[in-house]
Amino acid sequence: MTTARRRRRQRIVRHLRHPFHFKVEPGAKVFTAWARVRVPTTDVTLPLKVEHVRESIRLKGIGNTATCSMAVCARREAECFPHPVEGYIDWFYKRAFVVSRLDKNGMPCECYVYAHKDGIGKLNDTKGGQQKLLAQLEIDDDRLIVLRVPPPSIGKDRIKRPTGRKDGKKRLQPRGAKLRFAAAQMGGVPA
């Protein structure tokens, strides 16, 4: 198998699906839309502006992956991406999932995954973090956030690490959106 063909195969097989969760009205059931995940080919640089943080504060974006400061920024700066952006974005502490295509019902069916190390999500979820971020941006002007192509982690290339606890019990620790929500409810994460 040629190197180019192997790379293309890895990019397709790497991730399968990402869940996007929607709650139509308060008290309603949570609806999950599964989107096929694609890996981008180029890095993206986004300028975080004061108006993005103000919009996130208005939307009460603390602990929310879809309305945090960077999710609002990525939605408003859609022209920076090399693919279409349909408006739904999940911004986790180390990954960002950007929807590129919707199905016939208007739900996400395809998204791109990006890696980042900016720390904006943790700052957003700390107590008073959005106000601190707003003050920083008013003093220093725009802040550039780089979204990178995630490193490959497939099959035999992945390092085999022991998982779970030695006593056989499962670790009950939130991940992704649940981690951000739990961190914000507990008063924030250490920045």
Protein backbone atom coordinates (compact mmCIF):
# COMPACT_ATOMS: atom_id res chain seq x y z
CA MET A 1 0.00 0.00 0.00
CA THR A 2 1.40 3.39 -0.95
CA THR A 3 2.07 6.06 1.65
CA ALA A 4 -0.55 8.49 0.27
CA ARG A 5 -3.19 5.77 0.21
CA ARG A 6 -2.32 4.73 3.77
CA ARG A 7 -2.61 8.35 4.99
CA ARG A 8 -5.96 8.78 3.27
CA ARG A 9 -7.21 5.56 4.84
CA GLN A 10 -6.07 6.70 8.31
CA ARG A 11 -7.83 10.04 7.92
CA ILE A 12 -11.13 8.30 7.11
CA VAL A 13 -10.93 5.54 9.75
CA ARG A 14 -9.56 7.64 12.62
CA HIS A 15 -12.80 8.81 14.26
CA LEU A 16 -16.24 7.50 13.64
CA ARG A 17 -18.88 9.81 15.08
CA HIS A 18 -19.35 12.72 17.50
CA PRO A 19 -22.61 13.32 19.42
CA PHE A 20 -24.18 16.79 19.33
CA HIS A 21 -26.74 17.17 22.13
CA PHE A 22 -29.78 19.44 21.81
CA LYS A 23 -32.43 20.42 24.34
CA VAL A 24 -35.30 22.16 22.59
CA GLU A 25 -37.00 23.67 25.65
CA PRO A 26 -36.34 23.60 29.39
CA GLY A 27 -37.46 20.31 30.91
CA ALA A 28 -37.56 18.53 27.55
CA LYS A 29 -35.62 15.39 26.71
CA VAL A 30 -32.12 15.74 25.31
CA PHE A 31 -31.92 14.88 21.61
CA THR A 32 -28.63 13.53 20.24
CA ALA A 33 -27.52 13.97 16.63
CA TRP A 34 -24.53 11.87 15.59
CA ALA A 35 -22.16 13.46 13.07
CA ARG A 36 -19.44 11.75 11.07
CA VAL A 37 -16.07 13.21 12.00
CA ARG A 38 -13.57 14.31 9.36
CA VAL A 39 -9.97 15.39 9.89
CA PRO A 40 -8.99 18.75 8.34
CA THR A 41 -5.93 19.18 6.17
CA THR A 42 -4.81 22.65 7.34
CA ASP A 43 -4.57 24.63 10.56
CA VAL A 44 -6.94 27.55 11.22
CA THR A 45 -6.23 30.80 13.09
CA LEU A 46 -9.20 32.55 14.73
CA PRO A 47 -9.16 36.10 16.16
CA LEU A 48 -11.02 36.23 19.51
CA LYS A 49 -12.60 39.69 19.81
CA VAL A 50 -14.33 41.63 22.57
CA GLU A 51 -17.75 41.32 20.90
CA HIS A 52 -17.44 37.50 20.90
CA VAL A 53 -16.96 37.45 24.68
CA ARG A 54 -19.83 39.91 25.22
CA GLU A 55 -22.11 37.71 23.08
CA SER A 56 -21.09 34.66 25.14
CA ILE A 57 -21.84 36.50 28.39
CA ARG A 58 -25.27 37.44 27.01
CA LEU A 59 -25.91 33.77 26.07
CA LYS A 60 -24.76 32.57 29.54
CA GLY A 61 -21.92 30.53 28.02
CA ILE A 62 -20.26 29.42 31.26
CA GLY A 63 -19.90 25.62 31.22
CA ASN A 64 -21.60 25.33 27.81
CA THR A 65 -19.65 23.93 24.86
CA ALA A 66 -21.93 25.56 22.26
CA THR A 67 -22.15 29.11 23.66
CA CYS A 68 -18.72 29.66 25.24
CA SER A 69 -16.55 32.52 24.00
CA MET A 70 -14.59 30.42 21.51
CA ALA A 71 -17.68 28.67 20.10
CA VAL A 72 -19.21 32.09 19.44
CA CYS A 73 -15.91 33.25 17.90
CA ALA A 74 -15.67 30.22 15.59
CA ARG A 75 -19.28 30.71 14.48
CA ARG A 76 -18.77 34.43 13.75
CA GLU A 77 -15.40 33.91 12.01
CA ALA A 78 -16.64 31.13 9.69
CA GLU A 79 -14.72 32.55 6.71
CA CYS A 80 -11.43 31.50 8.38
CA PHE A 81 -12.21 27.81 7.86
CA PRO A 82 -11.36 26.01 4.59
CA HIS A 83 -14.70 24.15 4.73
CA PRO A 84 -18.31 25.32 5.21
CA VAL A 85 -19.41 26.11 8.77
CA GLU A 86 -23.07 25.48 9.56
CA GLY A 87 -23.18 27.15 12.97
CA TYR A 88 -23.05 24.24 15.44
CA ILE A 89 -19.77 23.97 17.36
CA ASP A 90 -18.71 21.90 20.38
CA TRP A 91 -15.69 23.48 22.09
CA PHE A 92 -14.00 21.13 24.58
CA TYR A 93 -10.85 21.82 26.60
CA LYS A 94 -8.53 20.23 23.98
CA ARG A 95 -10.75 19.60 20.94
CA ALA A 96 -13.23 21.57 18.85
CA PHE A 97 -15.87 19.95 16.62
CA VAL A 98 -17.12 22.25 13.83
CA VAL A 99 -20.21 21.16 11.86
CA SER A 100 -19.77 21.36 8.10
CA ARG A 101 -22.96 19.73 6.84
CA LEU A 102 -26.57 19.32 8.00
CA ASP A 103 -29.01 16.55 7.13
CA LYS A 104 -32.49 17.10 5.66
CA ASN A 105 -33.91 17.78 9.16
CA GLY A 106 -31.34 20.51 9.91
CA MET A 107 -29.28 18.36 12.33
CA PRO A 108 -25.48 17.93 12.11
CA CYS A 109 -24.40 14.96 10.01
CA GLU A 110 -20.73 15.84 9.36
CA CYS A 111 -18.12 17.77 11.35
CA TYR A 112 -14.39 18.49 11.45
CA VAL A 113 -12.26 17.96 14.56
CA TYR A 114 -9.48 20.39 15.53
CA ALA A 115 -6.95 20.26 18.38
CA HIS A 116 -6.06 23.35 20.43
CA LYS A 117 -4.04 24.32 23.49
CA ASP A 118 -5.34 27.82 24.17
CA GLY A 119 -6.84 27.37 27.65
CA ILE A 120 -9.77 29.68 26.83
CA GLY A 121 -12.30 26.98 27.76
CA LYS A 122 -10.87 26.62 31.27
CA LEU A 123 -10.67 30.40 31.70
CA ASN A 124 -14.27 30.67 30.47
CA ASP A 125 -15.43 28.15 33.11
CA THR A 126 -13.62 29.68 36.11
CA LYS A 127 -15.46 31.93 38.52
CA GLY A 128 -15.51 35.36 36.88
CA GLY A 129 -13.48 33.99 33.97
CA GLN A 130 -15.49 35.62 31.20
CA GLN A 131 -15.10 39.01 32.88
CA LYS A 132 -11.32 38.44 33.18
CA LEU A 133 -11.15 37.46 29.51
CA LEU A 134 -13.17 40.53 28.53
CA ALA A 135 -10.81 42.79 30.53
CA GLN A 136 -7.73 41.16 28.90
CA LEU A 137 -9.15 41.67 25.41
CA GLU A 138 -10.08 45.30 26.10
CA ILE A 139 -6.48 46.00 27.16
CA ASP A 140 -4.54 43.83 24.67
CA ASP A 141 -6.96 43.88 21.69
CA ASP A 142 -7.69 40.65 19.73
CA ARG A 143 -6.19 37.30 20.75
CA LEU A 144 -5.27 34.76 18.05
CA ILE A 145 -6.29 31.14 18.67
CA VAL A 146 -4.74 28.40 16.51
CA LEU A 147 -6.78 25.30 15.72
CA ARG A 148 -4.46 22.52 14.59
CA VAL A 149 -4.90 19.28 12.70
CA PRO A 150 -5.10 16.61 15.43
CA PRO A 151 -2.25 14.10 15.55
CA PRO A 152 -3.02 10.60 14.25
CA SER A 153 -3.91 8.06 16.90
CA ILE A 154 -5.05 4.91 15.16
CA GLY A 155 -4.51 1.22 15.59
CA LYS A 156 -0.94 0.02 16.10
CA ASP A 157 0.49 3.57 16.10
CA ARG A 158 -1.29 4.33 19.36
CA ILE A 159 0.58 3.70 22.60
CA LYS A 160 -1.05 0.96 24.65
CA ARG A 161 -1.57 2.31 28.14
CA PRO A 162 -3.32 0.48 30.94
CA THR A 163 -6.90 1.63 31.33
CA GLY A 164 -9.12 1.58 34.37
CA ARG A 165 -8.26 0.93 37.96
CA LYS A 166 -6.31 -2.02 39.33
CA ASP A 167 -9.24 -3.14 41.47
CA GLY A 168 -11.50 -3.50 38.40
CA LYS A 169 -13.90 -0.66 39.28
CA LYS A 170 -14.75 1.90 36.64
CA ARG A 171 -13.70 5.52 37.11
CA LEU A 172 -16.68 7.84 37.14
CA GLN A 173 -15.23 11.04 35.76
CA PRO A 174 -17.05 13.34 33.34
CA ARG A 175 -15.59 14.03 29.91
CA GLY A 176 -16.25 16.57 27.16
CA ALA A 177 -19.35 18.71 27.62
CA LYS A 178 -20.20 17.07 30.96
CA LEU A 179 -16.74 17.98 32.28
CA ARG A 180 -17.17 21.64 31.31
CA PHE A 181 -20.63 21.79 32.88
CA ALA A 182 -19.47 20.09 36.09
CA ALA A 183 -16.43 22.38 36.36
CA ALA A 184 -18.59 25.49 36.00
CA GLN A 185 -21.13 24.21 38.57
CA MET A 186 -18.38 23.56 41.13
CA GLY A 187 -17.17 27.15 40.93
CA GLY A 188 -14.71 26.80 38.09
CA VAL A 189 -11.52 24.95 37.32
CA PRO A 190 -8.08 26.15 38.33
CA ALA A 191 -6.78 28.33 35.49
